[in-house]
Amino acid sequence: MPIPTAQNASAAPAPVRYGPDRFDPVAMVLAFAFPGLGHWYLGEKRRAVLIASGILGLFVGGLLIGGIDAVDRRENTIWFAGQALVGPITFGVDYIHQHHLKVVSKDAAGREVLRSPWPHEVRGPDGRPRPAEPGQGPSSSVSLGRMNELGTLFSTIAGMLNLLVIIDAAMHGRKQ
């Protein structure tokens, strides 16, 4: 083992020092707009890619497990609050779900409501339910066997993790 000398000590890389934490609203907004974008703005590109792949992987995994019905602001409002922290991607998924996959029907009071199609229904061109052809299933339905709940949970956890990332990007010390 070599004996440390002044010459060897100067060859060692200097540790990265961070300045004091300060509030950065631009990084916070960017972190909400797209997971990892706030850290990209702060110059931590590798960390940004890891954040984006982790959070988006968890969110998309939730959609693959539970289907697009796992993101539903009308029927799962509390869960949607957590999912919304993933950013505008969540609102886009919910928009497609609400306006292109749900059917419009009347409730007991006679008001028009959006709902998922039943197994024997499909969405018609006007958004109203119509009977399905033999062998034809609905374009979207709540999955069976708790898969919808697992998908909802995965996508909500992605939002909660992104909340931590947003806070970290907002109150982040700069490298010196």
Protein backbone atom coordinates (compact mmCIF):
# COMPACT_ATOMS: atom_id res chain seq x y z
CA MET A 1 0.00 0.00 0.00
CA PRO A 2 1.54 3.34 -1.02
CA ILE A 3 2.22 5.92 1.65
CA PRO A 4 0.15 9.07 1.12
CA THR A 5 2.27 12.04 0.20
CA ALA A 6 1.48 15.57 -0.83
CA GLN A 7 2.00 14.56 -4.44
CA ASN A 8 -0.52 11.63 -4.22
CA ALA A 9 -3.07 13.69 -2.27
CA SER A 10 -3.28 16.35 -4.98
CA ALA A 11 -4.02 13.70 -7.65
CA ALA A 12 -7.25 12.60 -5.92
CA PRO A 13 -10.42 14.11 -7.39
CA ALA A 14 -11.93 16.88 -5.32
CA PRO A 15 -15.34 16.02 -3.85
CA VAL A 16 -18.32 17.80 -5.39
CA ARG A 17 -19.42 20.65 -3.17
CA TYR A 18 -22.91 22.05 -3.19
CA GLY A 19 -23.87 25.57 -2.36
CA PRO A 20 -26.73 26.35 0.00
CA ASP A 21 -30.20 25.22 -0.99
CA ARG A 22 -32.24 27.87 -2.67
CA PHE A 23 -35.72 27.99 -4.15
CA ASP A 24 -35.78 27.59 -7.94
CA PRO A 25 -39.33 28.04 -9.30
CA VAL A 26 -38.31 27.35 -12.91
CA ALA A 27 -36.91 23.94 -11.99
CA MET A 28 -40.05 23.22 -9.96
CA VAL A 29 -42.41 24.00 -12.87
CA LEU A 30 -40.26 22.01 -15.30
CA ALA A 31 -40.21 19.04 -12.90
CA PHE A 32 -44.01 19.09 -12.85
CA ALA A 33 -44.30 19.53 -16.63
CA PHE A 34 -42.30 16.36 -17.30
CA PRO A 35 -40.65 14.06 -14.75
CA GLY A 36 -36.89 14.72 -14.67
CA LEU A 37 -37.01 17.94 -16.70
CA GLY A 38 -36.29 20.07 -13.61
CA HIS A 39 -33.08 18.16 -12.92
CA TRP A 40 -32.12 18.40 -16.61
CA TYR A 41 -32.47 22.17 -16.28
CA LEU A 42 -30.26 22.06 -13.17
CA GLY A 43 -27.54 20.32 -15.19
CA GLU A 44 -27.95 16.83 -13.74
CA LYS A 45 -28.67 15.07 -17.02
CA ARG A 46 -27.94 11.50 -15.90
CA ARG A 47 -30.11 11.90 -12.83
CA ALA A 48 -32.87 13.43 -14.97
CA VAL A 49 -32.90 10.42 -17.30
CA LEU A 50 -33.04 8.04 -14.33
CA ILE A 51 -35.90 10.00 -12.76
CA ALA A 52 -37.87 10.12 -16.02
CA SER A 53 -37.42 6.43 -16.74
CA GLY A 54 -38.37 5.42 -13.19
CA ILE A 55 -41.47 7.58 -12.82
CA LEU A 56 -42.75 7.15 -16.37
CA GLY A 57 -41.99 3.41 -16.22
CA LEU A 58 -44.09 3.10 -13.06
CA PHE A 59 -46.90 5.20 -14.57
CA VAL A 60 -46.97 3.31 -17.88
CA GLY A 61 -46.66 0.03 -15.98
CA GLY A 62 -49.81 1.00 -14.08
CA LEU A 63 -51.59 1.66 -17.36
CA LEU A 64 -50.45 -1.69 -18.76
CA ILE A 65 -51.59 -3.55 -15.65
CA GLY A 66 -54.90 -1.78 -15.01
CA GLY A 67 -55.75 -0.42 -18.43
CA ILE A 68 -56.53 3.17 -19.33
CA ASP A 69 -59.43 3.03 -16.87
CA ALA A 70 -56.86 3.16 -14.02
CA VAL A 71 -56.67 6.94 -14.63
CA ASP A 72 -60.19 8.32 -14.12
CA ARG A 73 -60.81 11.73 -12.60
CA ARG A 74 -64.59 11.25 -12.43
CA GLU A 75 -64.81 7.87 -10.74
CA ASN A 76 -61.51 7.87 -8.78
CA THR A 77 -61.08 11.54 -7.85
CA ILE A 78 -58.91 10.96 -4.77
CA TRP A 79 -56.54 8.64 -6.66
CA PHE A 80 -56.46 11.03 -9.61
CA ALA A 81 -55.14 13.78 -7.30
CA GLY A 82 -52.02 11.67 -6.73
CA GLN A 83 -51.77 10.62 -10.37
CA ALA A 84 -51.99 14.26 -11.51
CA LEU A 85 -48.58 14.90 -9.93
CA VAL A 86 -47.00 12.99 -12.84
CA GLY A 87 -47.88 16.05 -14.91
CA PRO A 88 -49.77 16.85 -18.11
CA ILE A 89 -49.35 13.26 -19.31
CA THR A 90 -51.96 12.21 -16.75
CA PHE A 91 -54.42 14.82 -17.97
CA GLY A 92 -53.90 13.66 -21.56
CA VAL A 93 -54.57 10.03 -20.63
CA ASP A 94 -57.69 11.06 -18.70
CA TYR A 95 -58.92 13.20 -21.61
CA ILE A 96 -58.65 10.26 -24.01
CA HIS A 97 -60.40 8.01 -21.48
CA GLN A 98 -63.26 10.44 -20.79
CA HIS A 99 -63.90 11.66 -24.35
CA HIS A 100 -63.13 8.65 -26.53
CA LEU A 101 -63.81 5.51 -24.48
CA LYS A 102 -66.64 6.20 -22.03
CA VAL A 103 -70.32 6.18 -22.99
CA VAL A 104 -72.95 8.81 -22.20
CA SER A 105 -76.07 7.48 -20.50
CA LYS A 106 -78.82 8.74 -18.20
CA ASP A 107 -78.76 8.13 -14.47
CA ALA A 108 -81.81 7.53 -12.23
CA ALA A 109 -82.51 11.29 -12.03
CA GLY A 110 -82.45 11.63 -15.83
CA ARG A 111 -79.10 13.49 -15.98
CA GLU A 112 -76.51 12.56 -18.58
CA VAL A 113 -73.42 10.94 -17.06
CA LEU A 114 -70.24 9.38 -18.42
CA ARG A 115 -69.61 5.76 -17.49
CA SER A 116 -67.53 2.81 -18.61
CA PRO A 117 -69.33 0.59 -21.12
CA TRP A 118 -70.80 -2.66 -19.85
CA PRO A 119 -69.53 -5.96 -21.31
CA HIS A 120 -72.39 -6.17 -23.84
CA GLU A 121 -72.02 -2.53 -25.02
CA VAL A 122 -69.77 -0.51 -27.30
CA ARG A 123 -69.49 3.24 -27.75
CA GLY A 124 -71.40 4.52 -30.75
CA PRO A 125 -70.29 7.44 -32.96
CA ASP A 126 -72.42 9.82 -30.88
CA GLY A 127 -70.94 8.59 -27.60
CA ARG A 128 -74.09 6.71 -26.62
CA PRO A 129 -73.95 3.03 -25.78
CA ARG A 130 -75.14 0.58 -28.39
CA PRO A 131 -75.33 -3.22 -28.31
CA ALA A 132 -72.13 -5.00 -29.22
CA GLU A 133 -71.96 -7.37 -32.17
CA PRO A 134 -71.47 -11.06 -31.31
CA GLY A 135 -67.88 -11.52 -30.13
CA GLN A 136 -67.25 -7.78 -29.93
CA GLY A 137 -66.31 -6.43 -26.52
CA PRO A 138 -66.22 -2.87 -25.24
CA SER A 139 -63.32 -0.62 -26.22
CA SER A 140 -62.55 -0.07 -22.53
CA SER A 141 -63.79 -1.70 -19.36
CA VAL A 142 -62.72 -1.99 -15.75
CA SER A 143 -60.41 -5.00 -15.50
CA LEU A 144 -61.12 -8.00 -13.33
CA GLY A 145 -59.23 -9.56 -10.43
CA ARG A 146 -58.04 -6.33 -8.81
CA MET A 147 -55.88 -5.44 -11.81
CA ASN A 148 -57.56 -2.03 -12.05
CA GLU A 149 -56.75 -1.31 -8.41
CA LEU A 150 -53.12 -2.32 -8.90
CA GLY A 151 -52.82 -0.13 -11.99
CA THR A 152 -54.37 2.79 -10.12
CA LEU A 153 -51.97 2.23 -7.22
CA PHE A 154 -48.89 2.06 -9.50
CA SER A 155 -49.79 5.27 -11.33
CA THR A 156 -50.58 7.06 -8.05
CA ILE A 157 -47.25 5.99 -6.54
CA ALA A 158 -45.58 7.43 -9.65
CA GLY A 159 -47.26 10.75 -8.87
CA MET A 160 -46.18 10.65 -5.23
CA LEU A 161 -42.59 9.94 -6.26
CA ASN A 162 -42.71 12.82 -8.71
CA LEU A 163 -43.84 15.08 -5.85
CA LEU A 164 -40.57 14.27 -4.09
CA VAL A 165 -38.68 15.00 -7.31
CA ILE A 166 -40.51 18.33 -7.71
CA ILE A 167 -39.56 19.33 -4.16
CA ASP A 168 -35.95 18.23 -4.75
CA ALA A 169 -35.74 20.26 -7.97
CA ALA A 170 -37.30 23.32 -6.32
CA MET A 171 -34.97 23.31 -3.30
CA HIS A 172 -31.74 22.16 -4.86
CA GLY A 173 -28.20 23.26 -4.09
CA ARG A 174 -26.07 24.24 -7.06
CA LYS A 175 -22.72 22.53 -7.71
CA GLN A 176 -19.75 24.78 -6.99
